[in-house]
Protein backbone atom coordinates (compact mmCIF):
# COMPACT_ATOMS: atom_id res chain seq x y z
CA MET A 1 -29.56 -2.96 9.42
CA ASP A 2 -30.17 0.39 10.96
CA PHE A 3 -27.69 3.05 9.77
CA ALA A 4 -29.23 5.91 11.76
CA PHE A 5 -26.56 7.74 13.73
CA ASP A 6 -26.82 7.15 17.47
CA ALA A 7 -26.70 10.05 19.97
CA ARG A 8 -22.91 9.71 20.58
CA THR A 9 -22.17 9.72 16.88
CA GLU A 10 -24.37 12.78 16.32
CA GLU A 11 -22.65 14.64 19.08
CA LEU A 12 -19.19 13.87 17.71
CA ARG A 13 -20.31 14.68 14.11
CA ALA A 14 -21.47 18.07 15.21
CA LYS A 15 -18.29 18.80 17.08
CA LEU A 16 -16.11 17.58 14.26
CA LEU A 17 -18.03 19.54 11.60
CA ALA A 18 -17.61 22.72 13.67
CA PHE A 19 -13.91 21.93 14.21
CA MET A 20 -13.43 21.57 10.48
CA ASP A 21 -15.17 24.88 9.69
CA GLU A 22 -13.56 26.86 12.49
CA TYR A 23 -10.03 25.42 12.48
CA VAL A 24 -9.14 22.97 9.76
CA TYR A 25 -10.22 24.54 6.47
CA PRO A 26 -8.69 27.94 7.47
CA ALA A 27 -5.51 26.16 8.37
CA GLU A 28 -4.97 24.58 4.94
CA ALA A 29 -3.46 27.64 3.34
CA VAL A 30 -1.54 28.47 6.53
CA ALA A 31 0.07 25.01 6.62
CA GLU A 32 1.25 25.39 3.05
CA GLU A 33 2.76 28.83 3.81
CA GLN A 34 4.49 27.58 6.95
CA ARG A 35 5.78 24.51 5.17
CA ALA A 36 7.39 26.61 2.49
CA ALA A 37 9.36 28.52 5.16
CA LEU A 38 10.60 25.41 7.00
CA ALA A 39 14.20 24.28 6.83
CA SER A 40 13.02 20.77 5.78
CA PRO A 41 9.73 20.04 3.85
CA TRP A 42 9.21 17.20 6.24
CA ASP A 43 9.13 19.24 9.43
CA THR A 44 5.71 19.73 10.93
CA PRO A 45 4.14 23.21 10.46
CA ALA A 46 3.29 24.94 13.76
CA VAL A 47 -0.41 25.13 12.82
CA VAL A 48 -0.63 21.35 12.74
CA GLU A 49 0.46 21.09 16.36
CA GLU A 50 -2.09 23.77 17.16
CA LEU A 51 -4.82 21.78 15.54
CA LYS A 52 -3.74 18.69 17.39
CA ALA A 53 -3.92 20.47 20.70
CA GLU A 54 -7.36 21.83 19.89
CA ALA A 55 -8.71 18.50 18.72
CA ARG A 56 -7.47 16.84 21.88
CA ARG A 57 -8.98 19.57 24.03
CA GLN A 58 -12.32 19.00 22.34
CA GLY A 59 -12.19 15.18 22.72
CA LEU A 60 -11.76 14.63 18.95
CA TRP A 61 -8.78 12.38 19.46
CA ASN A 62 -8.01 8.68 18.54
CA LEU A 63 -11.53 8.25 17.28
CA PHE A 64 -10.52 5.23 15.19
CA LEU A 65 -9.67 2.84 18.02
CA PRO A 66 -12.57 0.66 19.09
CA ASN A 67 -10.66 -0.28 22.28
CA ALA A 68 -11.96 2.14 24.92
CA GLU A 69 -8.76 1.67 26.92
CA HIS A 70 -6.72 3.32 24.22
CA GLY A 71 -9.16 5.24 22.05
CA ALA A 72 -12.68 6.59 21.82
CA GLY A 73 -14.26 3.11 21.98
CA LEU A 74 -16.36 3.72 18.87
CA THR A 75 -17.64 0.94 16.65
CA ASN A 76 -16.75 0.94 12.97
CA LEU A 77 -20.34 2.12 12.20
CA GLN A 78 -19.92 5.02 14.60
CA TYR A 79 -16.51 5.98 13.33
CA ALA A 80 -17.45 5.82 9.53
CA PRO A 81 -19.24 9.19 9.33
CA LEU A 82 -16.51 10.79 11.40
CA ALA A 83 -13.73 9.47 9.15
CA GLU A 84 -15.72 10.73 6.13
CA ILE A 85 -15.64 14.22 7.51
CA THR A 86 -11.91 14.18 8.01
CA GLY A 87 -11.55 12.89 4.50
CA ARG A 88 -12.77 16.37 3.28
CA SER A 89 -9.30 17.70 4.26
CA PRO A 90 -7.23 14.48 4.08
CA HIS A 91 -3.87 16.25 4.46
CA LEU A 92 -4.75 17.93 7.72
CA ALA A 93 -7.79 16.56 9.55
CA PRO A 94 -6.69 12.99 10.12
CA THR A 95 -3.31 14.13 11.54
CA ALA A 96 -5.09 16.79 13.62
CA THR A 97 -7.24 14.13 15.28
CA ASN A 98 -4.47 11.55 15.51
CA CYS A 99 -6.37 9.37 13.06
CA ALA A 100 -3.83 9.42 10.22
CA ALA A 101 -2.37 6.41 8.47
CA PRO A 102 0.03 4.65 8.92
CA ASP A 103 -0.10 5.45 12.69
CA THR A 104 -3.65 4.18 12.92
CA GLY A 105 -2.80 0.74 11.61
CA ASN A 106 0.39 0.57 13.68
CA MET A 107 -1.50 1.53 16.84
CA GLU A 108 -4.02 -1.18 16.13
CA VAL A 109 -1.26 -3.76 15.70
CA LEU A 110 0.42 -2.74 18.92
CA ALA A 111 -2.87 -2.63 20.82
CA GLN A 112 -3.89 -6.08 19.58
CA PHE A 113 -0.63 -7.97 19.31
CA GLY A 114 2.07 -6.01 21.28
CA ASP A 115 3.28 -7.04 24.68
CA GLU A 116 3.17 -4.71 27.68
CA GLN A 117 6.65 -3.34 27.18
CA GLN A 118 6.04 -2.62 23.50
CA LYS A 119 2.78 -0.88 24.33
CA LYS A 120 4.47 1.26 26.96
CA GLN A 121 7.47 2.19 24.81
CA TRP A 122 5.71 2.78 21.47
CA LEU A 123 1.93 2.60 21.71
CA GLU A 124 1.57 5.21 24.50
CA PRO A 125 3.53 7.94 22.79
CA LEU A 126 1.72 7.20 19.46
CA LEU A 127 -1.60 7.49 21.23
CA ALA A 128 -0.47 10.84 22.73
CA GLY A 129 0.58 12.07 19.28
CA GLU A 130 4.15 12.66 20.50
CA ILE A 131 5.74 10.48 17.86
CA ARG A 132 4.95 9.13 14.40
CA SER A 133 5.54 5.68 12.93
CA ALA A 134 5.93 3.77 9.62
CA PHE A 135 4.91 0.39 8.31
CA ALA A 136 7.60 -1.26 6.16
CA MET A 137 6.18 -4.02 3.95
CA THR A 138 6.31 -2.99 0.22
CA GLU A 139 9.47 -3.79 -1.70
CA PRO A 140 10.57 -2.51 -5.12
CA GLU A 141 12.06 -5.72 -6.41
CA VAL A 142 9.10 -8.07 -6.02
CA ALA A 143 5.36 -7.86 -6.60
CA SER A 144 4.39 -6.87 -3.09
CA SER A 145 0.69 -7.27 -3.95
CA ASP A 146 1.51 -10.91 -3.10
CA ALA A 147 2.93 -10.53 0.48
CA THR A 148 4.47 -14.01 0.26
CA ASN A 149 6.95 -12.56 -2.26
CA ILE A 150 8.62 -10.32 0.33
CA THR A 151 12.35 -10.95 0.45
CA THR A 152 13.57 -8.95 3.44
CA HIS A 153 15.35 -11.34 5.82
CA ILE A 154 14.81 -11.34 9.57
CA GLU A 155 17.43 -13.76 10.89
CA ARG A 156 17.84 -14.66 14.48
CA ASP A 157 21.36 -14.36 15.92
CA GLY A 158 21.38 -15.25 19.59
CA ASP A 159 19.17 -12.74 21.42
CA GLU A 160 18.94 -10.43 18.41
CA TYR A 161 17.22 -10.33 15.05
CA VAL A 162 19.27 -9.12 12.06
CA ILE A 163 17.20 -7.37 9.37
CA THR A 164 18.37 -7.05 5.80
CA GLY A 165 16.25 -5.71 2.97
CA ARG A 166 15.13 -2.88 0.81
CA LYS A 167 11.68 -1.30 1.19
CA TRP A 168 9.95 1.57 -0.55
CA TYR A 169 6.83 3.72 -0.39
CA ILE A 170 7.13 3.41 3.40
CA SER A 171 4.58 5.96 4.48
CA GLY A 172 5.55 8.20 7.33
CA ALA A 173 9.29 7.54 7.13
CA MET A 174 10.34 11.00 5.95
CA ASN A 175 8.80 12.70 9.01
CA PRO A 176 11.56 13.44 11.59
CA ASP A 177 8.98 12.56 14.32
CA CYS A 178 8.85 8.99 12.93
CA LYS A 179 10.69 7.10 15.66
CA ILE A 180 9.62 3.45 15.00
CA PHE A 181 9.21 1.08 12.02
CA ILE A 182 7.11 -2.03 12.00
CA VAL A 183 9.04 -4.16 9.56
CA MET A 184 7.66 -7.26 7.85
CA GLY A 185 10.18 -9.83 6.61
CA LYS A 186 10.81 -13.54 6.44
CA THR A 187 12.12 -15.39 9.50
CA ASP A 188 11.57 -18.79 7.84
CA PRO A 189 12.06 -18.24 4.12
CA ASP A 190 12.09 -22.00 3.38
CA GLY A 191 9.06 -22.90 5.48
CA ALA A 192 6.52 -25.22 3.98
CA ASP A 193 3.55 -22.92 4.67
CA ILE A 194 4.21 -19.75 2.66
CA ARG A 195 1.87 -17.84 5.00
CA ARG A 196 3.88 -18.76 8.09
CA GLN A 197 7.28 -17.54 6.79
CA GLN A 198 6.84 -13.93 7.64
CA SER A 199 7.16 -12.08 10.96
CA MET A 200 6.95 -8.47 12.16
CA VAL A 201 9.56 -6.73 14.29
CA LEU A 202 9.82 -3.23 15.79
CA VAL A 203 12.85 -1.37 14.48
CA PRO A 204 13.65 2.07 16.00
CA ARG A 205 14.60 4.65 13.40
CA ASP A 206 17.95 5.31 14.95
CA THR A 207 19.00 1.65 14.79
CA PRO A 208 22.43 1.30 13.14
CA GLY A 209 21.99 -0.17 9.64
CA VAL A 210 18.71 1.74 8.99
CA THR A 211 18.98 4.28 6.21
CA VAL A 212 16.11 6.43 4.98
CA LYS A 213 17.57 6.76 1.45
CA ARG A 214 15.12 9.08 -0.37
CA ALA A 215 11.63 10.39 -0.54
CA MET A 216 9.26 8.81 -3.03
CA GLN A 217 6.88 11.09 -4.86
CA VAL A 218 3.29 10.32 -5.79
CA PHE A 219 2.33 11.90 -9.13
CA GLY A 220 5.05 14.47 -8.39
CA TYR A 221 3.62 15.30 -4.97
CA GLU A 222 5.45 14.81 -1.65
CA ASP A 223 2.74 13.48 0.66
CA HIS A 224 3.34 15.52 3.77
CA SER A 225 0.13 14.42 5.46
CA HIS A 226 1.48 10.97 6.07
CA GLY A 227 4.99 12.13 6.68
CA GLY A 228 6.10 11.32 3.20
CA HIS A 229 6.87 8.03 1.48
CA ALA A 230 10.43 6.75 1.57
CA GLU A 231 12.84 4.18 0.29
CA VAL A 232 14.45 2.59 3.34
CA ILE A 233 17.46 0.29 3.50
CA PHE A 234 17.90 -2.26 6.30
CA ASP A 235 21.53 -3.34 6.19
CA HIS A 236 22.10 -5.88 8.91
CA ALA A 237 20.13 -3.82 11.35
CA ARG A 238 20.03 -5.49 14.77
CA VAL A 239 17.23 -5.35 17.31
CA PRO A 240 16.53 -7.45 20.43
CA VAL A 241 14.42 -10.59 20.03
CA SER A 242 11.94 -8.87 22.38
CA ASN A 243 11.07 -6.56 19.50
CA LEU A 244 9.21 -9.36 17.76
CA ILE A 245 5.49 -8.60 17.54
CA GLY A 246 3.44 -11.66 18.41
CA GLU A 247 5.10 -14.88 17.36
CA GLU A 248 7.48 -15.89 14.68
CA GLY A 249 5.55 -16.81 11.56
CA GLY A 250 2.59 -14.62 12.59
CA GLY A 251 3.43 -11.68 10.29
CA PHE A 252 1.07 -12.53 7.54
CA ALA A 253 -1.90 -12.97 9.89
CA ILE A 254 -1.05 -9.65 11.65
CA ALA A 255 -0.87 -7.91 8.29
CA GLN A 256 -4.30 -9.17 7.31
CA ALA A 257 -5.70 -8.07 10.72
CA ARG A 258 -4.14 -4.63 10.17
CA LEU A 259 -5.23 -4.15 6.55
CA GLY A 260 -8.93 -4.93 7.10
CA PRO A 261 -9.68 -1.84 9.23
CA GLY A 262 -7.14 0.15 7.18
CA ARG A 263 -9.07 -0.51 4.00
CA ILE A 264 -12.40 0.63 5.34
CA HIS A 265 -10.82 3.75 6.95
CA HIS A 266 -9.49 4.68 3.55
CA CYS A 267 -12.87 4.17 1.89
CA MET A 268 -14.57 6.25 4.63
CA ARG A 269 -12.18 9.15 4.02
CA LEU A 270 -12.50 8.68 0.25
CA ILE A 271 -16.17 9.48 0.47
CA GLY A 272 -15.23 12.69 2.23
CA MET A 273 -12.88 13.52 -0.61
CA ALA A 274 -15.71 12.95 -3.09
CA GLU A 275 -17.98 15.22 -1.10
CA ARG A 276 -15.33 17.96 -1.16
CA ALA A 277 -14.97 17.54 -4.89
CA ILE A 278 -18.74 17.81 -5.40
CA GLU A 279 -18.86 20.95 -3.33
CA LEU A 280 -16.09 22.52 -5.29
CA MET A 281 -17.74 21.43 -8.55
CA CYS A 282 -21.03 23.07 -7.59
CA ARG A 283 -19.39 26.28 -6.35
CA ARG A 284 -17.41 26.54 -9.63
CA ALA A 285 -20.52 25.79 -11.74
CA VAL A 286 -22.54 28.64 -10.28
CA SER A 287 -19.70 31.11 -10.35
CA ARG A 288 -18.34 30.76 -13.84
CA THR A 289 -19.77 31.70 -17.26
CA ALA A 290 -18.93 30.10 -20.59
CA PHE A 291 -20.53 30.68 -24.01
CA GLY A 292 -23.04 33.13 -22.58
CA LYS A 293 -24.40 31.17 -19.62
CA ALA A 294 -23.31 29.83 -16.23
CA LEU A 295 -21.64 26.46 -16.18
CA ALA A 296 -24.43 25.37 -13.87
CA GLN A 297 -26.78 25.71 -16.86
CA GLN A 298 -24.74 23.43 -19.09
CA GLY A 299 -26.39 19.99 -19.54
CA VAL A 300 -23.13 18.03 -19.27
CA VAL A 301 -22.45 19.68 -15.87
CA HIS A 302 -25.87 18.62 -14.68
CA ASN A 303 -25.00 15.06 -15.61
CA TRP A 304 -21.65 15.09 -13.80
CA ILE A 305 -23.18 16.47 -10.61
CA ALA A 306 -26.14 14.14 -10.59
CA ASP A 307 -24.01 11.05 -11.32
CA ALA A 308 -21.56 12.08 -8.57
CA ARG A 309 -24.37 12.45 -6.00
CA VAL A 310 -25.88 9.03 -6.90
CA THR A 311 -22.45 7.38 -6.75
CA VAL A 312 -21.53 8.89 -3.36
CA GLU A 313 -24.84 7.83 -1.82
CA GLN A 314 -24.30 4.23 -3.13
CA LEU A 315 -20.78 4.06 -1.85
CA ARG A 316 -21.72 5.40 1.57
CA LEU A 317 -24.43 2.69 2.02
CA LEU A 318 -21.94 -0.05 1.01
CA VAL A 319 -19.30 1.30 3.40
CA LEU A 320 -21.83 1.53 6.22
CA LYS A 321 -22.98 -2.04 5.61
CA THR A 322 -19.40 -3.16 5.69
CA ALA A 323 -18.71 -1.32 8.98
CA TRP A 324 -21.95 -2.85 10.39
CA LEU A 325 -20.82 -6.40 9.37
CA MET A 326 -17.34 -5.84 10.86
CA ASP A 327 -18.97 -4.83 14.16
CA THR A 328 -21.46 -7.78 14.15
CA VAL A 329 -19.76 -10.71 12.50
CA GLY A 330 -16.13 -9.65 12.47
CA ASN A 331 -13.58 -8.89 9.70
CA LYS A 332 -13.72 -12.43 8.34
CA GLY A 333 -17.55 -12.30 8.07
CA ALA A 334 -17.28 -8.95 6.27
CA HIS A 335 -14.44 -10.13 3.88
CA THR A 336 -16.53 -9.88 0.73
CA GLU A 337 -17.82 -6.40 1.60
CA ILE A 338 -14.30 -5.15 2.61
CA GLN A 339 -13.08 -6.26 -0.79
CA SER A 340 -16.09 -4.78 -2.55
CA ILE A 341 -15.57 -1.27 -1.02
CA LYS A 342 -11.85 -1.48 -1.74
CA ILE A 343 -12.59 -2.13 -5.39
CA ALA A 344 -15.59 0.27 -5.86
CA THR A 345 -14.68 3.31 -3.80
CA PRO A 346 -11.32 4.51 -5.15
CA ARG A 347 -12.20 4.12 -8.78
CA ALA A 348 -15.52 5.93 -8.36
CA VAL A 349 -14.01 8.75 -6.33
CA VAL A 350 -11.22 9.14 -8.91
CA ASP A 351 -13.88 9.66 -11.55
CA ILE A 352 -15.77 12.31 -9.46
CA ILE A 353 -12.56 14.19 -8.72
CA ASP A 354 -11.56 13.97 -12.37
CA ARG A 355 -14.94 15.57 -13.39
CA ALA A 356 -14.31 18.30 -10.75
CA ILE A 357 -10.93 18.92 -12.23
CA GLN A 358 -12.35 19.18 -15.74
CA LEU A 359 -14.92 21.74 -14.56
CA HIS A 360 -12.16 23.92 -13.07
CA GLY A 361 -10.10 23.87 -16.23
CA ALA A 362 -6.47 24.87 -15.70
CA GLY A 363 -7.27 25.68 -12.03
CA GLY A 364 -8.18 22.04 -11.44
CA VAL A 365 -4.57 20.86 -11.98
CA SER A 366 -3.04 23.82 -10.15
CA GLN A 367 -2.01 24.25 -6.51
CA ASP A 368 -4.75 26.85 -6.06
CA PHE A 369 -7.40 24.12 -5.50
CA PRO A 370 -7.06 20.84 -3.57
CA LEU A 371 -8.38 18.76 -6.48
CA ALA A 372 -5.10 17.63 -8.04
CA GLU A 373 -3.75 16.44 -4.70
CA LEU A 374 -7.11 14.75 -3.90
CA TYR A 375 -6.85 12.97 -7.29
CA ALA A 376 -3.37 11.77 -6.56
CA SER A 377 -4.43 10.43 -3.17
CA ALA A 378 -7.48 8.66 -4.49
CA ARG A 379 -5.72 7.19 -7.55
CA THR A 380 -2.96 5.78 -5.28
CA LEU A 381 -5.58 3.97 -3.24
CA MET A 382 -6.36 1.82 -6.29
CA ILE A 383 -2.87 0.35 -5.61
CA ALA A 384 -2.32 0.70 -1.88
CA ASP A 385 -3.54 -2.01 0.48
CA GLY A 386 -3.54 -4.44 -2.40
CA PRO A 387 -4.25 -3.50 -6.00
CA ASP A 388 -7.91 -3.65 -7.12
CA GLU A 389 -7.14 -6.62 -9.35
CA VAL A 390 -5.98 -8.71 -6.36
CA HIS A 391 -9.27 -8.07 -4.62
CA GLN A 392 -11.26 -8.75 -7.77
CA ARG A 393 -9.44 -12.08 -8.14
CA SER A 394 -10.24 -13.10 -4.59
CA LEU A 395 -13.79 -11.84 -4.65
CA ALA A 396 -14.46 -13.69 -7.96
CA ARG A 397 -13.10 -16.93 -6.54
CA ARG A 398 -15.41 -16.68 -3.56
CA GLU A 399 -18.38 -16.16 -5.83
CA LEU A 400 -17.48 -19.00 -8.11
CA LYS A 401 -17.22 -21.44 -5.22
CA LYS A 402 -20.98 -21.20 -4.85
CA TYR A 403 -21.37 -22.95 -8.23
CA VAL A 404 -18.64 -25.57 -8.14
């Protein structure tokens, strides 16, 4: 395994680091000021569109897509250090480079499983950053950590599908630029194979019967970077049969294909969040005095910073190994590692951010520093894309099979 960055990765890293310093970090405060003045908190601040235009001009666009026809054509190993950099400003940089969830996963689904008409109608404007999208899977009334529990019905009626169900924490749905939902539900609820009961269909936002009911907060925050999280009602919403993605019964398999890259992308960005937290911790430590000496001279602060650095280096190597395996043996071959990083990365990054908050005192939980929002994002990822316990259960079973 050789994790040295190749020439193209080094070139893109240099450009992206400069882009962050020159454009993204200065835009963080500007975006908040502009958002406060908007008629709706879900409207896009003007500075975000300016960042998108600049990123596209510099070729820092759609970096996540390995398909060179639609994206940058980078491998997972090439994209990992770039996603880490965007994770340092997770509420601006991914959107600025058109690499923000849930659009990334939705574009991957359409690129891999969509037909030509679906790609033309929805993938192309998503690739251009002209619209946003949402992925509607999680439901409030069932344990959605087990996707076979999903109760939303997708019933065929002639040349249409009728969708009925209630979803929540549907990322991106509050953004007025969100024009399309990928909805997962059951087309064969009584099927013998519980993993062939589900299908995915494309449901335009303006479809009669689709109601974005309310915004869902995360630790009291409204996550503007993803276009918010929403509760969405599908009340006999009708779409053409041609809106089916792939085949009937293929929804579970598509979800698994979507979530593999999604999980590693989250972990890549989480490492960037941890790096931002370490930087803030160090800057605070050398600039503040308590009990007659700088915080940087306090032994417990030394321990926090040292432990954080060791942890980040370990996590980065595991994520790079996972990316390398996904490139060389595929997602199935990297299954153990994907689950390992999903378990290890969020919990470790939460701990690092928590220490940084502690070092900042009251400022750490305020809006004057990004730490509280970083904490909320990282802590949520211990639940999103499957709770840690689900991955632990699966990983342990795989290990135990070696001894049975």
